[in-house]
């Protein structure tokens, strides 16, 4: 993503590396998060996403490379850098003896708030994530989805300018996912920089401004542009039962593949652009085929992810 001229990123990382013994978890990662934006971090399991996010949050030191948060280097001034970051792990650890409000208030006190300020902020956040009815109940009674909401509230206790979310939608019901999307977009509108990792790519499509793709410990950088273009060229053609879409596409010398085994009425086809897609549809209809659906395959991020995986094999 090209940053607006004169805008200083809220978080930057260049050439970051981290190994655990002989395992190189992150080999070469670079990230830039402009203020007021939501950025997706996308890659397969084991590619190094969580390790990278821990380093960006100041919770794990890199072996090499540089990280700055609001102009501060976590390796030089960790507390100051971390004061600008809200971190939400993929699994919330709780103190069994503390209520939900006490959990949030405890973190508020750790960030320097008075007792009254911490309690007030805690109740505000419980209302924000729709957990106010659990204020006096221990966090251990929460469901997986409710713990995710409490974890998000905990990350917001100190009003961070950078928010790093690792699989925040895990365990959430459909309504909670919509609320999460609205909350994240609202935080970005207020100037926060959000980095979010999730395998629910269709959700990310409606939430993010940009995406960073990662594979085998490496962020792909500018090479992702070609993947985006390639992914947008894959469309699905669905005809009514009995329509031989395969034969029609072969006759038009199109680059296509079956969408489902033993079903000639569906196919995946490559198009150059939307004008080419419109021309193809006209040709198919002109041959008398009854087309019931025609459009890009899946969400944009899903397409890029699948294209990336094919390119990296």
Protein backbone atom coordinates (compact mmCIF):
# COMPACT_ATOMS: atom_id res chain seq x y z
CA UNK A 1 0.00 0.00 0.00
CA UNK A 2 1.33 3.46 -0.91
CA UNK A 3 1.15 5.75 2.10
CA UNK A 4 -0.12 9.32 1.69
CA UNK A 5 2.73 11.79 1.35
CA UNK A 6 3.82 13.22 4.69
CA UNK A 7 2.02 10.60 6.78
CA UNK A 8 4.24 8.90 9.37
CA UNK A 9 3.34 5.24 9.98
CA UNK A 10 2.13 4.47 13.48
CA UNK A 11 4.12 1.23 13.33
CA UNK A 12 6.98 0.21 11.06
CA UNK A 13 9.10 -2.92 10.85
CA UNK A 14 11.89 -3.68 8.38
CA UNK A 15 13.79 -6.91 7.80
CA UNK A 16 12.57 -8.54 11.01
CA UNK A 17 13.82 -12.04 11.78
CA UNK A 18 13.23 -14.49 14.62
CA UNK A 19 14.35 -18.09 15.12
CA UNK A 20 13.62 -20.64 17.83
CA UNK A 21 16.67 -22.87 17.84
CA UNK A 22 16.96 -24.36 14.36
CA UNK A 23 13.46 -23.22 13.38
CA UNK A 24 13.36 -19.91 11.50
CA UNK A 25 9.86 -18.70 12.40
CA UNK A 26 10.20 -15.29 10.71
CA UNK A 27 12.87 -14.96 8.04
CA UNK A 28 12.27 -11.50 6.55
CA UNK A 29 9.22 -9.45 7.45
CA UNK A 30 8.40 -5.81 6.85
CA UNK A 31 5.24 -3.99 7.93
CA UNK A 32 4.01 -0.41 7.71
CA UNK A 33 0.74 0.67 9.35
CA UNK A 34 -0.49 4.20 8.54
CA UNK A 35 -2.78 5.90 11.11
CA UNK A 36 -6.49 5.37 10.64
CA UNK A 37 -6.22 2.15 8.63
CA UNK A 38 -7.06 -1.52 9.07
CA UNK A 39 -4.54 -3.98 7.61
CA UNK A 40 -4.96 -7.74 7.31
CA UNK A 41 -2.06 -10.14 7.93
CA UNK A 42 -2.77 -13.23 5.86
CA UNK A 43 -0.95 -16.52 5.49
CA UNK A 44 -1.23 -20.26 6.15
CA UNK A 45 -0.79 -21.86 9.57
CA UNK A 46 2.86 -22.00 10.57
CA UNK A 47 3.99 -19.14 8.31
CA UNK A 48 5.10 -16.97 11.26
CA UNK A 49 2.15 -14.60 11.66
CA UNK A 50 1.79 -14.92 15.44
CA UNK A 51 5.55 -14.68 16.00
CA UNK A 52 5.63 -11.52 13.90
CA UNK A 53 2.70 -10.02 15.78
CA UNK A 54 4.32 -10.76 19.13
CA UNK A 55 7.42 -8.89 17.98
CA UNK A 56 5.36 -5.95 16.72
CA UNK A 57 3.56 -5.83 20.07
CA UNK A 58 6.89 -5.64 21.89
CA UNK A 59 6.41 -8.99 23.61
CA UNK A 60 9.16 -10.85 21.75
CA UNK A 61 12.54 -9.46 20.74
CA UNK A 62 13.58 -9.89 17.09
CA UNK A 63 16.93 -11.47 16.25
CA UNK A 64 17.47 -8.87 13.53
CA UNK A 65 15.67 -5.98 11.87
CA UNK A 66 14.06 -2.83 13.23
CA UNK A 67 10.66 -2.04 14.75
CA UNK A 68 9.32 1.38 15.71
CA UNK A 69 5.98 2.13 17.37
CA UNK A 70 4.92 5.79 17.47
CA UNK A 71 8.59 6.56 16.86
CA UNK A 72 9.83 4.38 19.73
CA UNK A 73 12.02 1.27 19.48
CA UNK A 74 10.64 -1.53 21.70
CA UNK A 75 14.15 -2.94 22.18
CA UNK A 76 15.36 0.41 23.59
CA UNK A 77 12.29 1.68 25.40
CA UNK A 78 9.91 -1.23 25.71
CA UNK A 79 7.43 0.24 28.23
CA UNK A 80 6.96 3.45 26.21
CA UNK A 81 6.55 1.57 22.92
CA UNK A 82 4.13 -0.93 24.45
CA UNK A 83 2.04 1.89 25.93
CA UNK A 84 0.95 2.68 22.37
CA UNK A 85 0.00 -0.91 21.50
CA UNK A 86 -3.09 -2.93 22.32
CA UNK A 87 -2.49 -6.67 21.93
CA UNK A 88 -5.24 -9.27 21.63
CA UNK A 89 -3.91 -12.86 21.55
CA UNK A 90 -5.86 -15.68 19.93
CA UNK A 91 -6.65 -17.12 23.37
CA UNK A 92 -7.45 -15.11 26.49
CA UNK A 93 -5.68 -16.08 29.70
CA UNK A 94 -7.72 -15.19 32.79
CA UNK A 95 -7.33 -15.09 36.54
CA UNK A 96 -10.04 -17.41 37.85
CA UNK A 97 -10.58 -15.39 41.00
CA UNK A 98 -11.22 -12.06 39.22
CA UNK A 99 -14.49 -10.81 37.79
CA UNK A 100 -14.64 -9.39 34.27
CA UNK A 101 -14.62 -5.83 35.62
CA UNK A 102 -11.73 -6.61 37.98
CA UNK A 103 -9.79 -8.09 35.07
CA UNK A 104 -10.10 -4.89 33.05
CA UNK A 105 -9.57 -2.60 36.04
CA UNK A 106 -6.39 -4.50 36.98
CA UNK A 107 -4.93 -3.85 33.54
CA UNK A 108 -6.04 -0.24 33.73
CA UNK A 109 -4.12 0.19 36.99
CA UNK A 110 -1.06 -1.40 35.36
CA UNK A 111 -1.20 1.36 32.74
CA UNK A 112 -1.23 4.06 35.43
CA UNK A 113 -4.94 4.76 35.88
CA UNK A 114 -6.35 5.47 39.33
CA UNK A 115 -8.74 2.96 40.89
CA UNK A 116 -11.79 5.03 39.97
CA UNK A 117 -10.51 5.70 36.46
CA UNK A 118 -9.76 2.01 35.92
CA UNK A 119 -13.21 0.94 37.10
CA UNK A 120 -14.95 3.57 34.98
CA UNK A 121 -12.95 2.61 31.90
CA UNK A 122 -13.60 -1.07 32.60
CA UNK A 123 -17.37 -0.57 32.65
CA UNK A 124 -17.22 1.53 29.46
CA UNK A 125 -15.41 -1.30 27.69
CA UNK A 126 -17.72 -4.02 29.00
CA UNK A 127 -20.63 -2.03 27.58
CA UNK A 128 -18.74 -1.56 24.32
CA UNK A 129 -18.31 -5.33 23.87
CA UNK A 130 -21.76 -6.13 25.30
CA UNK A 131 -20.55 -7.90 28.43
CA UNK A 132 -21.83 -5.48 31.08
CA UNK A 133 -24.09 -8.18 32.57
CA UNK A 134 -20.95 -10.18 33.39
CA UNK A 135 -19.19 -7.31 35.19
CA UNK A 136 -19.42 -9.01 38.60
CA UNK A 137 -19.02 -12.57 37.36
CA UNK A 138 -15.68 -14.40 37.07
CA UNK A 139 -14.18 -14.54 33.59
CA UNK A 140 -13.97 -18.34 33.82
CA UNK A 141 -17.75 -18.62 33.26
CA UNK A 142 -17.55 -16.95 29.84
CA UNK A 143 -17.92 -18.88 26.60
CA UNK A 144 -15.15 -18.91 24.00
CA UNK A 145 -16.80 -16.07 22.08
CA UNK A 146 -17.41 -14.03 25.24
CA UNK A 147 -13.77 -14.44 26.24
CA UNK A 148 -12.77 -13.10 22.84
CA UNK A 149 -14.86 -10.01 23.49
CA UNK A 150 -13.31 -9.57 26.93
CA UNK A 151 -9.86 -9.98 25.38
CA UNK A 152 -10.64 -7.21 22.90
CA UNK A 153 -11.81 -4.97 25.73
CA UNK A 154 -8.59 -5.68 27.61
CA UNK A 155 -6.54 -4.64 24.58
CA UNK A 156 -8.38 -1.29 24.54
CA UNK A 157 -7.96 -0.44 28.23
CA UNK A 158 -5.25 2.21 27.68
CA UNK A 159 -6.70 3.66 24.44
CA UNK A 160 -3.80 2.49 22.23
CA UNK A 161 -2.97 4.11 18.91
CA UNK A 162 -1.97 0.72 17.45
CA UNK A 163 -4.14 -2.37 17.84
CA UNK A 164 -2.85 -5.86 17.00
CA UNK A 165 -5.51 -8.58 16.86
CA UNK A 166 -4.71 -12.28 16.44
CA UNK A 167 -7.79 -14.24 15.25
CA UNK A 168 -10.30 -11.93 16.98
CA UNK A 169 -13.34 -13.49 15.25
CA UNK A 170 -12.60 -17.00 16.54
CA UNK A 171 -15.60 -18.31 18.45
CA UNK A 172 -17.81 -15.32 17.70
CA UNK A 173 -21.39 -15.75 16.54
CA UNK A 174 -22.56 -13.94 13.37
CA UNK A 175 -23.93 -10.91 15.24
CA UNK A 176 -20.73 -10.55 17.27
CA UNK A 177 -18.69 -10.69 14.06
CA UNK A 178 -20.70 -7.83 12.60
CA UNK A 179 -20.19 -5.86 15.82
CA UNK A 180 -16.46 -6.61 15.73
CA UNK A 181 -16.25 -5.32 12.16
CA UNK A 182 -18.10 -2.12 13.09
CA UNK A 183 -15.95 -1.61 16.18
CA UNK A 184 -12.68 -2.06 14.30
CA UNK A 185 -13.76 0.33 11.55
CA UNK A 186 -14.86 2.81 14.22
CA UNK A 187 -11.45 2.68 15.92
CA UNK A 188 -9.73 3.28 12.59
CA UNK A 189 -12.03 6.25 11.94
CA UNK A 190 -10.78 7.70 15.23
CA UNK A 191 -7.18 7.40 14.00
CA UNK A 192 -6.06 4.03 15.31
CA UNK A 193 -3.89 1.69 13.22
CA UNK A 194 -5.18 -1.88 13.29
CA UNK A 195 -3.37 -5.05 12.22
CA UNK A 196 -5.63 -8.08 12.18
CA UNK A 197 -4.89 -11.74 11.49
CA UNK A 198 -7.77 -14.06 10.68
CA UNK A 199 -8.58 -17.15 8.65
CA UNK A 200 -12.10 -15.82 8.07
CA UNK A 201 -11.09 -14.02 4.89
CA UNK A 202 -14.62 -13.14 3.84
CA UNK A 203 -14.94 -11.15 7.08
CA UNK A 204 -11.66 -9.36 6.46
CA UNK A 205 -12.76 -8.36 2.97
CA UNK A 206 -15.38 -6.05 4.43
CA UNK A 207 -13.14 -4.72 7.20
CA UNK A 208 -9.66 -3.94 5.89
CA UNK A 209 -8.07 -1.22 3.77
CA UNK A 210 -4.98 -3.21 2.85
CA UNK A 211 -3.41 -6.64 3.29
CA UNK A 212 0.04 -8.06 3.99
CA UNK A 213 0.59 -11.59 2.72
CA UNK A 214 3.04 -13.89 4.45
CA UNK A 215 4.46 -17.27 3.49
CA UNK A 216 7.25 -19.33 5.05
CA UNK A 217 8.30 -16.54 7.38
CA UNK A 218 8.48 -13.88 4.65
CA UNK A 219 6.14 -10.98 3.93
CA UNK A 220 5.63 -10.85 0.19
CA UNK A 221 5.71 -7.08 -0.24
CA UNK A 222 5.31 -5.72 -3.76
CA UNK A 223 5.09 -9.20 -5.26
CA UNK A 224 1.57 -9.39 -3.85
CA UNK A 225 0.40 -6.82 -6.42
CA UNK A 226 0.73 -9.36 -9.22
CA UNK A 227 -1.11 -11.92 -7.12
CA UNK A 228 -3.99 -9.50 -6.56
CA UNK A 229 -4.28 -8.89 -10.28
CA UNK A 230 -4.15 -12.60 -11.07
CA UNK A 231 -6.73 -13.50 -8.45
CA UNK A 232 -9.26 -10.98 -9.71
CA UNK A 233 -9.23 -12.70 -13.09
CA UNK A 234 -10.79 -15.97 -11.89
CA UNK A 235 -14.56 -16.11 -12.35
CA UNK A 236 -17.17 -18.82 -11.82
CA UNK A 237 -19.72 -19.64 -14.52
CA UNK A 238 -22.83 -21.55 -13.45
CA UNK A 239 -25.40 -22.68 -15.98
CA UNK A 240 -28.80 -24.22 -15.44
CA UNK A 241 -28.85 -28.03 -15.16
CA UNK A 242 -28.10 -29.56 -18.54
CA UNK A 243 -26.13 -26.58 -19.84
CA UNK A 244 -22.74 -27.70 -21.21
CA UNK A 245 -20.58 -24.81 -20.06
CA UNK A 246 -17.43 -26.88 -20.51
CA UNK A 247 -18.05 -27.43 -24.22
CA UNK A 248 -18.88 -23.78 -24.75
CA UNK A 249 -15.71 -22.56 -23.06
CA UNK A 250 -13.58 -25.06 -24.99
CA UNK A 251 -15.12 -23.82 -28.22
CA UNK A 252 -14.22 -20.26 -27.26
CA UNK A 253 -10.62 -21.38 -26.53
CA UNK A 254 -10.85 -20.05 -22.98
CA UNK A 255 -8.52 -21.02 -20.12
CA UNK A 256 -10.88 -22.82 -17.79
CA UNK A 257 -11.19 -25.69 -15.31
CA UNK A 258 -14.13 -27.66 -13.87
CA UNK A 259 -15.69 -26.14 -10.75
CA UNK A 260 -17.12 -29.50 -9.64
CA UNK A 261 -16.25 -33.00 -10.77
CA UNK A 262 -18.72 -34.53 -13.23
CA UNK A 263 -20.76 -31.33 -13.57
CA UNK A 264 -20.42 -29.70 -16.98
CA UNK A 265 -22.74 -26.87 -16.02
CA UNK A 266 -20.12 -25.16 -13.80
CA UNK A 267 -16.60 -23.95 -14.52
CA UNK A 268 -13.87 -21.61 -13.36
CA UNK A 269 -12.58 -19.38 -16.14
CA UNK A 270 -9.81 -16.82 -16.50
CA UNK A 271 -10.76 -13.35 -17.73
CA UNK A 272 -8.53 -10.37 -18.50
CA UNK A 273 -10.73 -7.77 -16.79
CA UNK A 274 -14.38 -6.89 -16.21
CA UNK A 275 -14.89 -5.89 -19.85
CA UNK A 276 -13.57 -9.29 -20.93
CA UNK A 277 -15.90 -10.95 -18.41
CA UNK A 278 -18.88 -9.05 -19.85
CA UNK A 279 -17.89 -10.12 -23.38
CA UNK A 280 -17.60 -13.75 -22.28
CA UNK A 281 -21.04 -13.70 -20.68
CA UNK A 282 -22.53 -12.24 -23.86
CA UNK A 283 -20.89 -15.00 -25.91
CA UNK A 284 -22.23 -17.75 -23.65
CA UNK A 285 -25.75 -16.35 -23.66
CA UNK A 286 -25.47 -15.83 -27.41
CA UNK A 287 -24.89 -19.58 -27.78
CA UNK A 288 -28.19 -20.23 -26.07
CA UNK A 289 -26.77 -21.23 -22.68
CA UNK A 290 -28.94 -20.42 -19.67
CA UNK A 291 -26.52 -18.86 -17.16
CA UNK A 292 -27.80 -18.58 -13.60
CA UNK A 293 -24.68 -17.13 -11.94
CA UNK A 294 -21.52 -15.42 -13.14
CA UNK A 295 -18.96 -13.58 -11.01
CA UNK A 296 -15.55 -13.54 -9.29
CA UNK A 297 -14.69 -16.61 -7.25
CA UNK A 298 -15.08 -15.97 -3.52
CA UNK A 299 -13.89 -12.84 -1.79
CA UNK A 300 -10.98 -10.81 -3.12
CA UNK A 301 -8.73 -11.83 -0.21
CA UNK A 302 -9.65 -15.50 -0.59
CA UNK A 303 -8.71 -15.35 -4.25
CA UNK A 304 -5.36 -13.70 -3.52
CA UNK A 305 -4.62 -16.20 -0.75
CA UNK A 306 -5.35 -19.19 -3.00
CA UNK A 307 -3.34 -17.67 -5.85
CA UNK A 308 -0.45 -17.02 -3.46
CA UNK A 309 -0.46 -20.62 -2.31
CA UNK A 310 -0.42 -21.87 -5.89
CA UNK A 311 2.50 -19.56 -6.74
CA UNK A 312 4.53 -20.62 -3.68
CA UNK A 313 4.26 -24.41 -4.22
